[in-house]
Amino acid sequence: MNTITIPLEVPSDILVALNETEDSLKNEFQTNTAILLYQRGKLTLGKAIQLSGVGRYEFEKKLAASKVSVSNLTIDQFFDDVEKLNDK
């Protein structure tokens, strides 16, 4: 898998204020960006997990902690699926 690096400038005093290392802040930015893009429907769950850099279970735990649903089904889609299952 090819990757790209997107530089992000963060004042060093922000790291001190957050009591974070550069790596931990990078990981948090990456995971939160994946969550945001998934929530907005820009990425599928699989691609968001890939971007986050964590495993599926860990990503789903982070989604739950952020109060973001793992499923993007609307109520109408859910009931359509129920109807299809009842027709069988």
N, C-alpha and C. Protein backbone atom coordinates (compact mmCIF):
# COMPACT_ATOMS: atom_id res chain seq x y z
N MET A 1 0.85 -1.18 0.00
CA MET A 1 0.00 0.00 0.00
C MET A 1 0.90 1.24 0.00
N ASN A 2 0.67 2.10 -0.95
CA ASN A 2 1.39 3.36 -1.00
C ASN A 2 0.77 4.34 -0.02
N THR A 3 1.59 5.14 0.60
CA THR A 3 1.08 6.17 1.51
C THR A 3 1.67 7.51 1.14
N ILE A 4 1.01 8.55 1.60
CA ILE A 4 1.53 9.91 1.44
C ILE A 4 1.62 10.53 2.83
N THR A 5 2.44 11.52 2.94
CA THR A 5 2.58 12.25 4.20
C THR A 5 2.00 13.64 3.99
N ILE A 6 1.13 14.03 4.90
CA ILE A 6 0.54 15.36 4.86
C ILE A 6 1.09 16.14 6.05
N PRO A 7 1.94 17.11 5.78
CA PRO A 7 2.52 17.85 6.90
C PRO A 7 1.47 18.68 7.63
N LEU A 8 1.61 18.73 8.93
CA LEU A 8 0.71 19.51 9.77
C LEU A 8 1.57 20.25 10.79
N GLU A 9 1.47 21.53 10.79
CA GLU A 9 2.27 22.33 11.72
C GLU A 9 1.50 22.55 13.02
N VAL A 10 2.14 22.18 14.13
CA VAL A 10 1.56 22.34 15.45
C VAL A 10 2.60 23.04 16.32
N PRO A 11 2.24 24.17 16.91
CA PRO A 11 3.19 24.84 17.81
C PRO A 11 3.62 23.90 18.94
N SER A 12 4.89 23.90 19.26
CA SER A 12 5.41 22.97 20.27
C SER A 12 4.77 23.17 21.63
N ASP A 13 4.34 24.40 21.94
CA ASP A 13 3.71 24.60 23.24
C ASP A 13 2.34 23.92 23.34
N ILE A 14 1.74 23.58 22.19
CA ILE A 14 0.49 22.82 22.19
C ILE A 14 0.75 21.42 22.72
N LEU A 15 1.87 20.81 22.30
CA LEU A 15 2.23 19.49 22.81
C LEU A 15 2.41 19.52 24.32
N VAL A 16 3.04 20.57 24.79
CA VAL A 16 3.26 20.71 26.23
C VAL A 16 1.92 20.90 26.94
N ALA A 17 1.07 21.76 26.39
CA ALA A 17 -0.23 22.03 27.01
C ALA A 17 -1.09 20.76 27.06
N LEU A 18 -0.98 19.93 26.04
CA LEU A 18 -1.76 18.70 25.98
C LEU A 18 -1.09 17.54 26.71
N ASN A 19 0.17 17.74 27.07
CA ASN A 19 0.97 16.67 27.69
C ASN A 19 0.99 15.44 26.79
N GLU A 20 1.24 15.68 25.51
CA GLU A 20 1.25 14.64 24.48
C GLU A 20 2.62 14.58 23.82
N THR A 21 2.94 13.41 23.29
CA THR A 21 4.13 13.29 22.46
C THR A 21 3.72 13.58 21.02
N GLU A 22 4.68 13.81 20.19
CA GLU A 22 4.40 14.06 18.78
C GLU A 22 3.68 12.85 18.16
N ASP A 23 4.15 11.65 18.47
CA ASP A 23 3.54 10.44 17.92
C ASP A 23 2.11 10.24 18.41
N SER A 24 1.87 10.46 19.71
CA SER A 24 0.51 10.25 20.22
C SER A 24 -0.46 11.27 19.64
N LEU A 25 0.00 12.51 19.45
CA LEU A 25 -0.88 13.52 18.84
C LEU A 25 -1.15 13.20 17.38
N LYS A 26 -0.12 12.73 16.66
CA LYS A 26 -0.29 12.32 15.27
C LYS A 26 -1.33 11.20 15.18
N ASN A 27 -1.21 10.20 16.05
CA ASN A 27 -2.17 9.08 16.04
C ASN A 27 -3.59 9.56 16.36
N GLU A 28 -3.70 10.48 17.30
CA GLU A 28 -5.03 11.00 17.65
C GLU A 28 -5.62 11.79 16.49
N PHE A 29 -4.82 12.62 15.83
CA PHE A 29 -5.29 13.36 14.66
C PHE A 29 -5.74 12.39 13.57
N GLN A 30 -4.95 11.36 13.32
CA GLN A 30 -5.26 10.40 12.26
C GLN A 30 -6.56 9.67 12.56
N THR A 31 -6.72 9.21 13.79
CA THR A 31 -7.94 8.49 14.16
C THR A 31 -9.15 9.40 14.13
N ASN A 32 -9.02 10.60 14.66
CA ASN A 32 -10.15 11.53 14.67
C ASN A 32 -10.53 11.99 13.28
N THR A 33 -9.55 12.12 12.39
CA THR A 33 -9.85 12.46 11.00
C THR A 33 -10.62 11.32 10.34
N ALA A 34 -10.22 10.08 10.60
CA ALA A 34 -10.93 8.92 10.06
C ALA A 34 -12.37 8.88 10.57
N ILE A 35 -12.55 9.15 11.86
CA ILE A 35 -13.90 9.17 12.43
C ILE A 35 -14.75 10.25 11.78
N LEU A 36 -14.20 11.44 11.62
CA LEU A 36 -14.94 12.55 11.02
C LEU A 36 -15.33 12.24 9.57
N LEU A 37 -14.39 11.71 8.80
CA LEU A 37 -14.68 11.40 7.40
C LEU A 37 -15.69 10.27 7.27
N TYR A 38 -15.64 9.31 8.19
CA TYR A 38 -16.64 8.24 8.21
C TYR A 38 -18.01 8.80 8.57
N GLN A 39 -18.04 9.63 9.59
CA GLN A 39 -19.30 10.22 10.05
C GLN A 39 -19.95 11.05 8.94
N ARG A 40 -19.16 11.73 8.16
CA ARG A 40 -19.68 12.56 7.06
C ARG A 40 -20.02 11.75 5.81
N GLY A 41 -19.73 10.45 5.84
CA GLY A 41 -20.03 9.61 4.70
C GLY A 41 -19.00 9.69 3.59
N LYS A 42 -17.85 10.27 3.88
CA LYS A 42 -16.80 10.41 2.87
C LYS A 42 -15.99 9.12 2.73
N LEU A 43 -15.92 8.32 3.80
CA LEU A 43 -15.20 7.05 3.78
C LEU A 43 -16.12 5.93 4.25
N THR A 44 -15.92 4.75 3.68
CA THR A 44 -16.61 3.57 4.19
C THR A 44 -15.97 3.20 5.53
N LEU A 45 -16.61 2.30 6.24
CA LEU A 45 -16.06 1.85 7.52
C LEU A 45 -14.68 1.24 7.31
N GLY A 46 -14.54 0.40 6.30
CA GLY A 46 -13.25 -0.25 6.03
C GLY A 46 -12.14 0.75 5.74
N LYS A 47 -12.44 1.75 4.92
CA LYS A 47 -11.43 2.75 4.58
C LYS A 47 -11.11 3.64 5.78
N ALA A 48 -12.11 3.93 6.60
CA ALA A 48 -11.87 4.73 7.80
C ALA A 48 -10.97 3.96 8.77
N ILE A 49 -11.22 2.67 8.90
CA ILE A 49 -10.36 1.84 9.75
C ILE A 49 -8.93 1.86 9.22
N GLN A 50 -8.81 1.73 7.90
CA GLN A 50 -7.48 1.76 7.27
C GLN A 50 -6.77 3.09 7.55
N LEU A 51 -7.48 4.20 7.40
CA LEU A 51 -6.89 5.51 7.66
C LEU A 51 -6.53 5.68 9.13
N SER A 52 -7.35 5.15 10.00
CA SER A 52 -7.12 5.35 11.44
C SER A 52 -5.82 4.72 11.93
N GLY A 53 -5.42 3.64 11.26
CA GLY A 53 -4.19 2.97 11.68
C GLY A 53 -4.37 2.04 12.87
N VAL A 54 -5.62 1.80 13.28
CA VAL A 54 -5.90 0.86 14.37
C VAL A 54 -6.75 -0.28 13.83
N GLY A 55 -6.92 -1.31 14.61
CA GLY A 55 -7.74 -2.44 14.20
C GLY A 55 -9.22 -2.11 14.25
N ARG A 56 -10.02 -3.01 13.66
CA ARG A 56 -11.46 -2.80 13.57
C ARG A 56 -12.11 -2.64 14.95
N TYR A 57 -11.78 -3.55 15.85
CA TYR A 57 -12.38 -3.50 17.18
C TYR A 57 -12.05 -2.18 17.88
N GLU A 58 -10.79 -1.79 17.82
CA GLU A 58 -10.36 -0.54 18.46
C GLU A 58 -11.05 0.66 17.81
N PHE A 59 -11.17 0.65 16.48
CA PHE A 59 -11.83 1.76 15.80
C PHE A 59 -13.30 1.84 16.18
N GLU A 60 -13.97 0.69 16.25
CA GLU A 60 -15.38 0.70 16.64
C GLU A 60 -15.56 1.19 18.08
N LYS A 61 -14.61 0.86 18.95
CA LYS A 61 -14.66 1.39 20.32
C LYS A 61 -14.51 2.91 20.30
N LYS A 62 -13.64 3.41 19.44
CA LYS A 62 -13.45 4.86 19.34
C LYS A 62 -14.69 5.53 18.74
N LEU A 63 -15.34 4.87 17.79
CA LEU A 63 -16.60 5.40 17.25
C LEU A 63 -17.64 5.51 18.36
N ALA A 64 -17.77 4.45 19.14
CA ALA A 64 -18.75 4.44 20.23
C ALA A 64 -18.44 5.54 21.24
N ALA A 65 -17.17 5.72 21.58
CA ALA A 65 -16.78 6.76 22.52
C ALA A 65 -17.10 8.14 21.98
N SER A 66 -17.06 8.27 20.65
CA SER A 66 -17.38 9.55 20.00
C SER A 66 -18.86 9.67 19.67
N LYS A 67 -19.64 8.66 20.09
CA LYS A 67 -21.08 8.62 19.84
C LYS A 67 -21.41 8.66 18.33
N VAL A 68 -20.59 7.94 17.57
CA VAL A 68 -20.81 7.80 16.13
C VAL A 68 -21.23 6.36 15.88
N SER A 69 -22.33 6.19 15.17
CA SER A 69 -22.86 4.86 14.90
C SER A 69 -21.94 4.09 13.95
N VAL A 70 -21.81 2.80 14.20
CA VAL A 70 -21.02 1.95 13.31
C VAL A 70 -21.77 1.76 12.00
N SER A 71 -23.08 1.80 12.04
CA SER A 71 -23.90 1.63 10.85
C SER A 71 -24.38 2.98 10.34
N ASN A 72 -24.34 3.13 9.03
CA ASN A 72 -24.84 4.37 8.42
C ASN A 72 -26.24 4.18 7.84
N LEU A 73 -26.91 3.09 8.22
CA LEU A 73 -28.26 2.85 7.72
C LEU A 73 -29.23 3.90 8.24
N THR A 74 -30.08 4.36 7.36
CA THR A 74 -31.15 5.24 7.79
C THR A 74 -32.30 4.37 8.31
N ILE A 75 -33.25 4.97 8.98
CA ILE A 75 -34.42 4.24 9.47
C ILE A 75 -35.17 3.60 8.30
N ASP A 76 -35.31 4.35 7.21
CA ASP A 76 -36.01 3.82 6.03
C ASP A 76 -35.29 2.60 5.46
N GLN A 77 -33.95 2.67 5.38
CA GLN A 77 -33.19 1.53 4.87
C GLN A 77 -33.35 0.32 5.79
N PHE A 78 -33.36 0.57 7.08
CA PHE A 78 -33.53 -0.51 8.05
C PHE A 78 -34.87 -1.21 7.83
N PHE A 79 -35.96 -0.42 7.74
CA PHE A 79 -37.27 -1.01 7.57
C PHE A 79 -37.42 -1.68 6.19
N ASP A 80 -36.76 -1.14 5.18
CA ASP A 80 -36.75 -1.80 3.87
C ASP A 80 -36.10 -3.18 3.97
N ASP A 81 -35.00 -3.25 4.70
CA ASP A 81 -34.32 -4.54 4.90
C ASP A 81 -35.21 -5.51 5.67
N VAL A 82 -35.91 -5.02 6.69
CA VAL A 82 -36.81 -5.87 7.46
C VAL A 82 -37.91 -6.42 6.56
N GLU A 83 -38.48 -5.56 5.71
CA GLU A 83 -39.52 -6.01 4.78
C GLU A 83 -39.01 -7.08 3.84
N LYS A 84 -37.80 -6.89 3.32
CA LYS A 84 -37.20 -7.88 2.42
C LYS A 84 -37.02 -9.22 3.13
N LEU A 85 -36.60 -9.16 4.37
CA LEU A 85 -36.43 -10.40 5.13
C LEU A 85 -37.76 -11.09 5.41
N ASN A 86 -38.80 -10.30 5.68
CA ASN A 86 -40.13 -10.86 5.94
C ASN A 86 -40.76 -11.47 4.69
N ASP A 87 -40.37 -10.96 3.51
CA ASP A 87 -40.92 -11.47 2.24
C ASP A 87 -40.36 -12.84 1.90
N LYS A 88 -39.27 -13.24 2.50
CA LYS A 88 -38.63 -14.53 2.17
C LYS A 88 -39.33 -15.68 2.81
